[in-house]
């Protein structure tokens, strides 16, 4: 597999070790999952997989998360019963970062929810109290969202099928906007991402994301918390979008610290563009740093 020349040019300038980044992107990801605390617990899952002879390794920065080289994780009874949820470990970070806020929240919005990885993760943290609104624009994705919510045993999730920019004026304590993106951080799971990669797509995504983040921020209560995340490397879809929000509102960025996980700060310059220095409080997770996928996360206070 070859990387597009422009792809390598763009990201070589942003990382500490470009060669290691591109070498890591060529390696398949291990399987990963988290324990669904609505139905099971860490010790029970560890015991069951030990009996099966399936080796699993606990993630140092998230006790409910595990990685494994076993491909059969998705074929286990524990998966079908909803005791575990298969999810890429960096995809777990946006919700993990919101843990304290979620524990106090009564009304939560997952703005782009399907297929439900983060919605169900939030349900595990909140327990069956309060209300989580799981919204998605694409109707055909709602089926998978509904199935996963039922499988994990959540009783406090309301599904909506709306364009976020036209969402009713309801105020939430917490909003998670895991925005549709160019998915460069998923290359290790799906090499097809590279075959459709283009800077034009990145720019088109950025325009949509800017509209989405403004609406997501507007849906927050005063002192509410918004997490904006993507699984892409593109600054136009990450720092530039957050910078746009800062220019349009009184939003404030919060520092993010995840013990035992190596991260990089949000960038403040890319090619001919400069961003607000506050954007450096966002974090990037590059695949070569922790042997994961790629992710960008910003935590925002209203």
C-alpha atoms as a PDB file:
ATOM      1  CA  UNK A   1       0.000   0.000   0.000  1.00  0.00           C
ATOM      2  CA  UNK A   2       1.262   3.464  -0.908  1.00  0.00           C
ATOM      3  CA  UNK A   3       0.292   6.730   0.689  1.00  0.00           C
ATOM      4  CA  UNK A   4      -0.702   9.622  -1.584  1.00  0.00           C
ATOM      5  CA  UNK A   5       2.230  12.014  -1.937  1.00  0.00           C
ATOM      6  CA  UNK A   6       0.225  14.956  -0.602  1.00  0.00           C
ATOM      7  CA  UNK A   7      -0.940  12.884   2.382  1.00  0.00           C
ATOM      8  CA  UNK A   8       2.668  12.279   3.438  1.00  0.00           C
ATOM      9  CA  UNK A   9       3.610  15.910   2.841  1.00  0.00           C
ATOM     10  CA  UNK A  10       0.784  17.198   5.006  1.00  0.00           C
ATOM     11  CA  UNK A  11       1.392  15.027   8.037  1.00  0.00           C
ATOM     12  CA  UNK A  12       5.170  14.684   8.011  1.00  0.00           C
ATOM     13  CA  UNK A  13       5.348  18.270   9.226  1.00  0.00           C
ATOM     14  CA  UNK A  14       2.980  17.684  12.151  1.00  0.00           C
ATOM     15  CA  UNK A  15       4.495  14.673  13.932  1.00  0.00           C
ATOM     16  CA  UNK A  16       7.658  13.991  15.914  1.00  0.00           C
ATOM     17  CA  UNK A  17       8.534  10.859  13.941  1.00  0.00           C
ATOM     18  CA  UNK A  18       6.971  10.714  10.441  1.00  0.00           C
ATOM     19  CA  UNK A  19       8.636   7.420   9.484  1.00  0.00           C
ATOM     20  CA  UNK A  20       7.259   5.713  12.577  1.00  0.00           C
ATOM     21  CA  UNK A  21       3.795   7.156  11.921  1.00  0.00           C
ATOM     22  CA  UNK A  22       3.602   5.837   8.360  1.00  0.00           C
ATOM     23  CA  UNK A  23       5.081   2.465   9.357  1.00  0.00           C
ATOM     24  CA  UNK A  24       2.483   2.129  12.111  1.00  0.00           C
ATOM     25  CA  UNK A  25      -0.345   2.956   9.706  1.00  0.00           C
ATOM     26  CA  UNK A  26       0.641  -0.106   7.664  1.00  0.00           C
ATOM     27  CA  UNK A  27       0.153  -2.437  10.640  1.00  0.00           C
ATOM     28  CA  UNK A  28      -3.313  -3.863  11.437  1.00  0.00           C
ATOM     29  CA  UNK A  29      -4.837  -2.859  14.760  1.00  0.00           C
ATOM     30  CA  UNK A  30      -5.380  -5.332  17.573  1.00  0.00           C
ATOM     31  CA  UNK A  31      -8.996  -5.973  18.523  1.00  0.00           C
ATOM     32  CA  UNK A  32     -10.290  -3.998  21.490  1.00  0.00           C
ATOM     33  CA  UNK A  33     -13.402  -3.887  23.644  1.00  0.00           C
ATOM     34  CA  UNK A  34     -14.768  -2.453  26.860  1.00  0.00           C
ATOM     35  CA  UNK A  35     -16.756  -4.113  29.599  1.00  0.00           C
ATOM     36  CA  UNK A  36     -20.417  -3.082  29.712  1.00  0.00           C
ATOM     37  CA  UNK A  37     -20.949  -2.301  33.393  1.00  0.00           C
ATOM     38  CA  UNK A  38     -24.740  -2.287  32.955  1.00  0.00           C
ATOM     39  CA  UNK A  39     -24.637  -6.076  32.538  1.00  0.00           C
ATOM     40  CA  UNK A  40     -21.277  -7.323  33.753  1.00  0.00           C
ATOM     41  CA  UNK A  41     -18.013  -6.345  35.449  1.00  0.00           C
ATOM     42  CA  UNK A  42     -14.289  -6.540  34.837  1.00  0.00           C
ATOM     43  CA  UNK A  43     -13.611  -9.618  36.983  1.00  0.00           C
ATOM     44  CA  UNK A  44     -16.431 -11.633  35.450  1.00  0.00           C
ATOM     45  CA  UNK A  45     -15.279 -10.900  31.886  1.00  0.00           C
ATOM     46  CA  UNK A  46     -11.654 -11.676  32.735  1.00  0.00           C
ATOM     47  CA  UNK A  47     -12.723 -14.979  34.286  1.00  0.00           C
ATOM     48  CA  UNK A  48     -14.851 -15.998  31.297  1.00  0.00           C
ATOM     49  CA  UNK A  49     -12.161 -15.251  28.719  1.00  0.00           C
ATOM     50  CA  UNK A  50      -9.527 -17.032  30.776  1.00  0.00           C
ATOM     51  CA  UNK A  51     -11.746 -20.120  30.707  1.00  0.00           C
ATOM     52  CA  UNK A  52     -12.001 -19.801  26.903  1.00  0.00           C
ATOM     53  CA  UNK A  53      -8.235 -19.492  26.586  1.00  0.00           C
ATOM     54  CA  UNK A  54      -8.600 -15.998  25.112  1.00  0.00           C
ATOM     55  CA  UNK A  55      -5.758 -13.730  26.174  1.00  0.00           C
ATOM     56  CA  UNK A  56      -6.799 -10.138  26.910  1.00  0.00           C
ATOM     57  CA  UNK A  57      -4.744  -7.219  28.179  1.00  0.00           C
ATOM     58  CA  UNK A  58      -6.155  -4.375  30.264  1.00  0.00           C
ATOM     59  CA  UNK A  59      -5.593  -0.856  28.905  1.00  0.00           C
ATOM     60  CA  UNK A  60      -3.509   1.126  31.440  1.00  0.00           C
ATOM     61  CA  UNK A  61      -5.514   4.347  31.132  1.00  0.00           C
ATOM     62  CA  UNK A  62      -9.029   2.825  31.151  1.00  0.00           C
ATOM     63  CA  UNK A  63      -9.723  -0.080  33.471  1.00  0.00           C
ATOM     64  CA  UNK A  64     -12.863  -1.227  31.618  1.00  0.00           C
ATOM     65  CA  UNK A  65     -10.995  -1.443  28.288  1.00  0.00           C
ATOM     66  CA  UNK A  66      -9.007  -4.394  26.921  1.00  0.00           C
ATOM     67  CA  UNK A  67      -7.012  -5.276  23.813  1.00  0.00           C
ATOM     68  CA  UNK A  68      -6.477  -8.698  22.300  1.00  0.00           C
ATOM     69  CA  UNK A  69      -5.048 -10.361  19.209  1.00  0.00           C
ATOM     70  CA  UNK A  70      -7.941 -12.840  19.191  1.00  0.00           C
ATOM     71  CA  UNK A  71     -10.178 -12.338  16.163  1.00  0.00           C
ATOM     72  CA  UNK A  72     -12.985 -14.367  17.741  1.00  0.00           C
ATOM     73  CA  UNK A  73     -13.910 -11.728  20.346  1.00  0.00           C
ATOM     74  CA  UNK A  74     -16.875 -10.696  18.190  1.00  0.00           C
ATOM     75  CA  UNK A  75     -18.080 -14.296  18.043  1.00  0.00           C
ATOM     76  CA  UNK A  76     -18.257 -14.835  21.806  1.00  0.00           C
ATOM     77  CA  UNK A  77     -21.408 -15.206  23.878  1.00  0.00           C
ATOM     78  CA  UNK A  78     -20.259 -12.192  25.909  1.00  0.00           C
ATOM     79  CA  UNK A  79     -20.426 -10.031  22.801  1.00  0.00           C
ATOM     80  CA  UNK A  80     -23.892 -11.231  21.794  1.00  0.00           C
ATOM     81  CA  UNK A  81     -25.258 -10.856  25.339  1.00  0.00           C
ATOM     82  CA  UNK A  82     -23.875  -7.330  25.591  1.00  0.00           C
ATOM     83  CA  UNK A  83     -21.402  -8.036  28.390  1.00  0.00           C
ATOM     84  CA  UNK A  84     -18.721  -6.416  26.224  1.00  0.00           C
ATOM     85  CA  UNK A  85     -18.769  -3.848  23.439  1.00  0.00           C
ATOM     86  CA  UNK A  86     -16.195  -4.037  20.641  1.00  0.00           C
ATOM     87  CA  UNK A  87     -14.751  -0.566  20.115  1.00  0.00           C
ATOM     88  CA  UNK A  88     -11.428   0.954  19.053  1.00  0.00           C
ATOM     89  CA  UNK A  89      -9.745   2.216  22.205  1.00  0.00           C
ATOM     90  CA  UNK A  90      -9.155   5.797  21.037  1.00  0.00           C
ATOM     91  CA  UNK A  91     -12.868   5.956  20.211  1.00  0.00           C
ATOM     92  CA  UNK A  92     -13.492   5.496  23.947  1.00  0.00           C
ATOM     93  CA  UNK A  93     -11.580   8.666  24.855  1.00  0.00           C
ATOM     94  CA  UNK A  94     -14.203  11.384  24.181  1.00  0.00           C
ATOM     95  CA  UNK A  95     -16.621   9.803  26.645  1.00  0.00           C
ATOM     96  CA  UNK A  96     -13.901   8.982  29.163  1.00  0.00           C
ATOM     97  CA  UNK A  97     -12.896  12.661  29.156  1.00  0.00           C
ATOM     98  CA  UNK A  98     -16.511  13.566  30.000  1.00  0.00           C
ATOM     99  CA  UNK A  99     -16.795  11.098  32.899  1.00  0.00           C
ATOM    100  CA  UNK A 100     -17.051  13.661  35.728  1.00  0.00           C
ATOM    101  CA  UNK A 101     -19.568  15.783  33.832  1.00  0.00           C
ATOM    102  CA  UNK A 102     -21.645  12.752  32.865  1.00  0.00           C
ATOM    103  CA  UNK A 103     -21.869  11.572  36.476  1.00  0.00           C
ATOM    104  CA  UNK A 104     -23.628  14.848  37.358  1.00  0.00           C
ATOM    105  CA  UNK A 105     -25.648  15.332  34.164  1.00  0.00           C
ATOM    106  CA  UNK A 106     -29.389  14.785  33.806  1.00  0.00           C
ATOM    107  CA  UNK A 107     -29.768  15.552  30.090  1.00  0.00           C
ATOM    108  CA  UNK A 108     -27.111  14.471  27.553  1.00  0.00           C
ATOM    109  CA  UNK A 109     -26.943  14.653  23.755  1.00  0.00           C
ATOM    110  CA  UNK A 110     -24.890  12.372  21.527  1.00  0.00           C
ATOM    111  CA  UNK A 111     -25.244  14.486  18.403  1.00  0.00           C
ATOM    112  CA  UNK A 112     -23.964  11.984  15.799  1.00  0.00           C
ATOM    113  CA  UNK A 113     -24.615   8.757  17.633  1.00  0.00           C
ATOM    114  CA  UNK A 114     -24.882   5.781  15.248  1.00  0.00           C
ATOM    115  CA  UNK A 115     -23.869   2.996  15.527  1.00  0.00           C
ATOM    116  CA  UNK A 116     -23.879   3.693  19.273  1.00  0.00           C
ATOM    117  CA  UNK A 117     -20.350   3.040  20.550  1.00  0.00           C
ATOM    118  CA  UNK A 118     -20.142   6.263  22.526  1.00  0.00           C
ATOM    119  CA  UNK A 119     -23.846   6.379  23.392  1.00  0.00           C
ATOM    120  CA  UNK A 120     -23.648   2.993  25.068  1.00  0.00           C
ATOM    121  CA  UNK A 121     -20.395   3.936  26.764  1.00  0.00           C
ATOM    122  CA  UNK A 122     -22.091   7.008  28.240  1.00  0.00           C
ATOM    123  CA  UNK A 123     -24.974   4.849  29.423  1.00  0.00           C
ATOM    124  CA  UNK A 124     -22.521   2.691  31.348  1.00  0.00           C
ATOM    125  CA  UNK A 125     -21.134   5.737  33.136  1.00  0.00           C
ATOM    126  CA  UNK A 126     -24.501   7.358  33.871  1.00  0.00           C
ATOM    127  CA  UNK A 127     -26.280   4.128  34.698  1.00  0.00           C
ATOM    128  CA  UNK A 128     -29.997   3.984  34.004  1.00  0.00           C
ATOM    129  CA  UNK A 129     -30.735   7.496  35.270  1.00  0.00           C
ATOM    130  CA  UNK A 130     -31.222  10.832  33.556  1.00  0.00           C
ATOM    131  CA  UNK A 131     -31.752  10.884  29.784  1.00  0.00           C
ATOM    132  CA  UNK A 132     -29.379  10.425  26.865  1.00  0.00           C
ATOM    133  CA  UNK A 133     -30.653  11.619  23.495  1.00  0.00           C
ATOM    134  CA  UNK A 134     -28.939   9.650  20.728  1.00  0.00           C
ATOM    135  CA  UNK A 135     -29.324  11.512  17.451  1.00  0.00           C
ATOM    136  CA  UNK A 136     -28.238  10.621  13.938  1.00  0.00           C
ATOM    137  CA  UNK A 137     -28.954  12.201  10.575  1.00  0.00           C
ATOM    138  CA  UNK A 138     -28.898   9.007   8.497  1.00  0.00           C
ATOM    139  CA  UNK A 139     -31.999   6.881   8.985  1.00  0.00           C
ATOM    140  CA  UNK A 140     -30.457   3.600   7.799  1.00  0.00           C
ATOM    141  CA  UNK A 141     -27.881   3.879  10.620  1.00  0.00           C
ATOM    142  CA  UNK A 142     -30.616   4.069  13.260  1.00  0.00           C
ATOM    143  CA  UNK A 143     -31.211   0.300  13.062  1.00  0.00           C
ATOM    144  CA  UNK A 144     -27.663  -0.469  14.243  1.00  0.00           C
ATOM    145  CA  UNK A 145     -27.944   2.213  16.937  1.00  0.00           C
ATOM    146  CA  UNK A 146     -31.187   0.735  18.252  1.00  0.00           C
ATOM    147  CA  UNK A 147     -29.782  -2.801  18.210  1.00  0.00           C
ATOM    148  CA  UNK A 148     -26.671  -1.834  20.190  1.00  0.00           C
ATOM    149  CA  UNK A 149     -28.650   0.138  22.765  1.00  0.00           C
ATOM    150  CA  UNK A 150     -30.935  -2.845  23.350  1.00  0.00           C
ATOM    151  CA  UNK A 151     -28.004  -5.265  23.465  1.00  0.00           C
ATOM    152  CA  UNK A 152     -26.212  -3.398  26.244  1.00  0.00           C
ATOM    153  CA  UNK A 153     -29.381  -3.028  28.351  1.00  0.00           C
ATOM    154  CA  UNK A 154     -29.702   0.770  28.529  1.00  0.00           C
ATOM    155  CA  UNK A 155     -33.141   2.013  29.574  1.00  0.00           C
ATOM    156  CA  UNK A 156     -32.599   5.780  29.485  1.00  0.00           C
ATOM    157  CA  UNK A 157     -31.801   6.485  25.824  1.00  0.00           C
ATOM    158  CA  UNK A 158     -34.109   8.301  23.398  1.00  0.00           C
ATOM    159  CA  UNK A 159     -33.282   7.964  19.688  1.00  0.00           C
ATOM    160  CA  UNK A 160     -33.863  10.883  17.305  1.00  0.00           C
ATOM    161  CA  UNK A 161     -33.322  11.089  13.546  1.00  0.00           C
ATOM    162  CA  UNK A 162     -32.650  14.747  12.791  1.00  0.00           C
ATOM    163  CA  UNK A 163     -30.280  17.093  11.019  1.00  0.00           C
ATOM    164  CA  UNK A 164     -28.362  18.528  13.996  1.00  0.00           C
ATOM    165  CA  UNK A 165     -28.432  22.034  12.511  1.00  0.00           C
ATOM    166  CA  UNK A 166     -32.249  21.887  12.749  1.00  0.00           C
ATOM    167  CA  UNK A 167     -32.422  20.225  16.144  1.00  0.00           C
ATOM    168  CA  UNK A 168     -35.094  21.665  18.510  1.00  0.00           C
ATOM    169  CA  UNK A 169     -33.903  24.321  20.955  1.00  0.00           C
ATOM    170  CA  UNK A 170     -33.443  22.031  23.954  1.00  0.00           C
ATOM    171  CA  UNK A 171     -30.598  22.700  26.379  1.00  0.00           C
ATOM    172  CA  UNK A 172     -28.303  19.886  27.486  1.00  0.00           C
ATOM    173  CA  UNK A 173     -25.822  19.546  30.348  1.00  0.00           C
ATOM    174  CA  UNK A 174     -23.412  17.637  28.109  1.00  0.00           C
ATOM    175  CA  UNK A 175     -23.132  17.416  24.322  1.00  0.00           C
ATOM    176  CA  UNK A 176     -20.842  15.011  22.502  1.00  0.00           C
ATOM    177  CA  UNK A 177     -20.177  15.873  18.867  1.00  0.00           C
ATOM    178  CA  UNK A 178     -18.134  13.077  17.317  1.00  0.00           C
ATOM    179  CA  UNK A 179     -18.327  14.632  13.894  1.00  0.00           C
ATOM    180  CA  UNK A 180     -18.437  12.885  10.514  1.00  0.00           C
ATOM    181  CA  UNK A 181     -14.937  13.236   9.056  1.00  0.00           C
ATOM    182  CA  UNK A 182     -12.409  11.959   6.536  1.00  0.00           C
ATOM    183  CA  UNK A 183     -11.508   9.111   8.929  1.00  0.00           C
ATOM    184  CA  UNK A 184      -7.738   9.145   8.368  1.00  0.00           C
ATOM    185  CA  UNK A 185      -7.269   7.822  11.895  1.00  0.00           C
ATOM    186  CA  UNK A 186      -9.073   4.618  10.866  1.00  0.00           C
ATOM    187  CA  UNK A 187      -6.596   3.634   8.161  1.00  0.00           C
ATOM    188  CA  UNK A 188      -5.272   0.724  10.252  1.00  0.00           C
ATOM    189  CA  UNK A 189      -8.793  -0.731  10.358  1.00  0.00           C
ATOM    190  CA  UNK A 190      -9.814   0.113   6.813  1.00  0.00           C
ATOM    191  CA  UNK A 191      -7.184   0.740   4.136  1.00  0.00           C
ATOM    192  CA  UNK A 192      -9.956   1.814   1.743  1.00  0.00           C
ATOM    193  CA  UNK A 193      -9.854   5.193   3.511  1.00  0.00           C
ATOM    194  CA  UNK A 194      -6.728   5.987   1.492  1.00  0.00           C
ATOM    195  CA  UNK A 195      -8.291   5.093  -1.843  1.00  0.00           C
ATOM    196  CA  UNK A 196     -10.939   7.811  -1.405  1.00  0.00           C
ATOM    197  CA  UNK A 197      -8.685  10.356   0.310  1.00  0.00           C
ATOM    198  CA  UNK A 198      -8.601  13.904  -1.052  1.00  0.00           C
ATOM    199  CA  UNK A 199      -8.023  17.417   0.232  1.00  0.00           C
ATOM    200  CA  UNK A 200     -11.276  18.449  -1.430  1.00  0.00           C
ATOM    201  CA  UNK A 201     -13.190  16.061   0.826  1.00  0.00           C
ATOM    202  CA  UNK A 202     -11.361  17.456   3.858  1.00  0.00           C
ATOM    203  CA  UNK A 203     -12.429  21.006   2.967  1.00  0.00           C
ATOM    204  CA  UNK A 204     -16.039  19.930   2.380  1.00  0.00           C
ATOM    205  CA  UNK A 205     -16.110  18.166   5.745  1.00  0.00           C
ATOM    206  CA  UNK A 206     -14.704  21.242   7.465  1.00  0.00           C
ATOM    207  CA  UNK A 207     -17.572  23.410   6.220  1.00  0.00           C
ATOM    208  CA  UNK A 208     -20.146  20.978   7.595  1.00  0.00           C
ATOM    209  CA  UNK A 209     -18.291  20.506  10.894  1.00  0.00           C
ATOM    210  CA  UNK A 210     -18.228  24.266  11.519  1.00  0.00           C
ATOM    211  CA  UNK A 211     -22.019  24.403  11.239  1.00  0.00           C
ATOM    212  CA  UNK A 212     -22.361  21.366  13.499  1.00  0.00           C
ATOM    213  CA  UNK A 213     -20.087  22.680  16.261  1.00  0.00           C
ATOM    214  CA  UNK A 214     -21.913  26.030  16.388  1.00  0.00           C
ATOM    215  CA  UNK A 215     -25.244  24.242  16.787  1.00  0.00           C
ATOM    216  CA  UNK A 216     -23.858  21.795  19.358  1.00  0.00           C
ATOM    217  CA  UNK A 217     -22.524  24.699  21.424  1.00  0.00           C
ATOM    218  CA  UNK A 218     -25.874  26.512  21.141  1.00  0.00           C
ATOM    219  CA  UNK A 219     -27.631  23.443  22.569  1.00  0.00           C
ATOM    220  CA  UNK A 220     -25.594  23.611  25.785  1.00  0.00           C
ATOM    221  CA  UNK A 221     -26.831  24.929  29.106  1.00  0.00           C
ATOM    222  CA  UNK A 222     -24.749  27.715  30.626  1.00  0.00           C
ATOM    223  CA  UNK A 223     -21.691  26.050  32.208  1.00  0.00           C
ATOM    224  CA  UNK A 224     -22.436  22.975  30.096  1.00  0.00           C
ATOM    225  CA  UNK A 225     -19.676  20.933  28.469  1.00  0.00           C
ATOM    226  CA  UNK A 226     -19.160  20.065  24.816  1.00  0.00           C
ATOM    227  CA  UNK A 227     -16.648  17.553  23.518  1.00  0.00           C
ATOM    228  CA  UNK A 228     -15.790  17.822  19.837  1.00  0.00           C
ATOM    229  CA  UNK A 229     -13.927  14.870  18.362  1.00  0.00           C
ATOM    230  CA  UNK A 230     -12.941  13.301  15.059  1.00  0.00           C
ATOM    231  CA  UNK A 231     -10.927  10.291  13.959  1.00  0.00           C
ATOM    232  CA  UNK A 232      -8.891  12.232  11.418  1.00  0.00           C
ATOM    233  CA  UNK A 233      -5.536  14.015  11.266  1.00  0.00           C
ATOM    234  CA  UNK A 234      -6.636  16.969   9.115  1.00  0.00           C
ATOM    235  CA  UNK A 235      -6.216  20.341  10.894  1.00  0.00           C
ATOM    236  CA  UNK A 236      -9.047  21.736   8.737  1.00  0.00           C
ATOM    237  CA  UNK A 237     -11.419  19.245  10.418  1.00  0.00           C
ATOM    238  CA  UNK A 238      -9.933  19.626  13.888  1.00  0.00           C
ATOM    239  CA  UNK A 239      -8.193  22.759  15.157  1.00  0.00           C
ATOM    240  CA  UNK A 240      -9.690  24.927  12.438  1.00  0.00           C
ATOM    241  CA  UNK A 241     -13.216  23.922  13.449  1.00  0.00           C
ATOM    242  CA  UNK A 242     -12.551  24.632  17.132  1.00  0.00           C
ATOM    243  CA  UNK A 243     -10.859  27.905  16.190  1.00  0.00           C
ATOM    244  CA  UNK A 244     -14.014  28.843  14.254  1.00  0.00           C
ATOM    245  CA  UNK A 245     -16.135  28.242  17.357  1.00  0.00           C
ATOM    246  CA  UNK A 246     -13.812  30.389  19.485  1.00  0.00           C
ATOM    247  CA  UNK A 247     -14.078  33.238  16.967  1.00  0.00           C
ATOM    248  CA  UNK A 248     -17.888  33.058  16.844  1.00  0.00           C
ATOM    249  CA  UNK A 249     -18.724  32.537  20.558  1.00  0.00           C
ATOM    250  CA  UNK A 250     -17.467  32.953  24.113  1.00  0.00           C
ATOM    251  CA  UNK A 251     -16.493  29.267  24.279  1.00  0.00           C
ATOM    252  CA  UNK A 252     -13.564  28.309  26.487  1.00  0.00           C
ATOM    253  CA  UNK A 253     -11.319  25.319  26.013  1.00  0.00           C
ATOM    254  CA  UNK A 254     -10.477  23.057  28.936  1.00  0.00           C
ATOM    255  CA  UNK A 255      -7.204  21.213  29.410  1.00  0.00           C
ATOM    256  CA  UNK A 256      -7.312  17.461  28.884  1.00  0.00           C
ATOM    257  CA  UNK A 257      -5.132  15.076  30.843  1.00  0.00           C
ATOM    258  CA  UNK A 258      -5.264  11.303  30.536  1.00  0.00           C
ATOM    259  CA  UNK A 259      -2.694   9.639  32.806  1.00  0.00           C
ATOM    260  CA  UNK A 260      -0.631   6.874  31.158  1.00  0.00           C
ATOM    261  CA  UNK A 261      -1.685   7.891  27.625  1.00  0.00           C
ATOM    262  CA  UNK A 262       0.738   9.738  25.371  1.00  0.00           C
ATOM    263  CA  UNK A 263      -0.892  12.649  23.550  1.00  0.00           C
ATOM    264  CA  UNK A 264       0.144  15.714  21.548  1.00  0.00           C
ATOM    265  CA  UNK A 265      -1.222  19.224  21.916  1.00  0.00           C
ATOM    266  CA  UNK A 266      -3.504  20.763  19.333  1.00  0.00           C
ATOM    267  CA  UNK A 267      -1.539  22.621  16.679  1.00  0.00           C
ATOM    268  CA  UNK A 268      -1.709  26.414  16.304  1.00  0.00           C
ATOM    269  CA  UNK A 269      -0.156  26.687  12.836  1.00  0.00           C
ATOM    270  CA  UNK A 270      -0.669  24.678   9.666  1.00  0.00           C
ATOM    271  CA  UNK A 271       0.739  25.710   6.329  1.00  0.00           C
ATOM    272  CA  UNK A 272      -0.414  29.339   5.883  1.00  0.00           C
ATOM    273  CA  UNK A 273      -3.022  29.298   8.656  1.00  0.00           C
ATOM    274  CA  UNK A 274      -2.685  30.295  12.299  1.00  0.00           C
ATOM    275  CA  UNK A 275      -5.162  29.358  15.031  1.00  0.00           C
ATOM    276  CA  UNK A 276      -5.999  30.737  18.459  1.00  0.00           C
ATOM    277  CA  UNK A 277      -3.379  29.603  20.982  1.00  0.00           C
ATOM    278  CA  UNK A 278      -6.199  28.197  23.142  1.00  0.00           C
ATOM    279  CA  UNK A 279      -6.572  25.437  20.552  1.00  0.00           C
ATOM    280  CA  UNK A 280      -3.361  23.924  21.934  1.00  0.00           C
ATOM    281  CA  UNK A 281      -5.468  22.681  24.892  1.00  0.00           C
ATOM    282  CA  UNK A 282      -7.053  20.139  22.543  1.00  0.00           C
ATOM    283  CA  UNK A 283      -5.273  16.812  22.138  1.00  0.00           C
ATOM    284  CA  UNK A 284      -4.179  14.630  19.248  1.00  0.00           C
ATOM    285  CA  UNK A 285      -3.562  10.909  19.550  1.00  0.00           C
ATOM    286  CA  UNK A 286      -1.242   9.780  16.759  1.00  0.00           C
ATOM    287  CA  UNK A 287      -1.257   6.040  15.953  1.00  0.00           C
ATOM    288  CA  UNK A 288       2.474   5.564  16.574  1.00  0.00           C
ATOM    289  CA  UNK A 289       2.328   7.078  20.077  1.00  0.00           C
ATOM    290  CA  UNK A 290       0.334   4.290  21.757  1.00  0.00           C
ATOM    291  CA  UNK A 291      -0.127   1.728  18.942  1.00  0.00           C
ATOM    292  CA  UNK A 292      -3.722   2.825  18.328  1.00  0.00           C
ATOM    293  CA  UNK A 293      -5.848   4.557  15.746  1.00  0.00           C
ATOM    294  CA  UNK A 294      -5.776   8.350  15.413  1.00  0.00           C
ATOM    295  CA  UNK A 295      -8.044  10.829  17.176  1.00  0.00           C
ATOM    296  CA  UNK A 296      -8.558  14.526  17.919  1.00  0.00           C
ATOM    297  CA  UNK A 297     -10.464  15.765  20.975  1.00  0.00           C
ATOM    298  CA  UNK A 298     -11.366  19.218  22.287  1.00  0.00           C
ATOM    299  CA  UNK A 299     -13.224  19.816  25.569  1.00  0.00           C
ATOM    300  CA  UNK A 300     -15.215  23.029  25.589  1.00  0.00           C
ATOM    301  CA  UNK A 301     -17.034  24.929  28.348  1.00  0.00           C
ATOM    302  CA  UNK A 302     -19.942  27.323  27.777  1.00  0.00           C
END
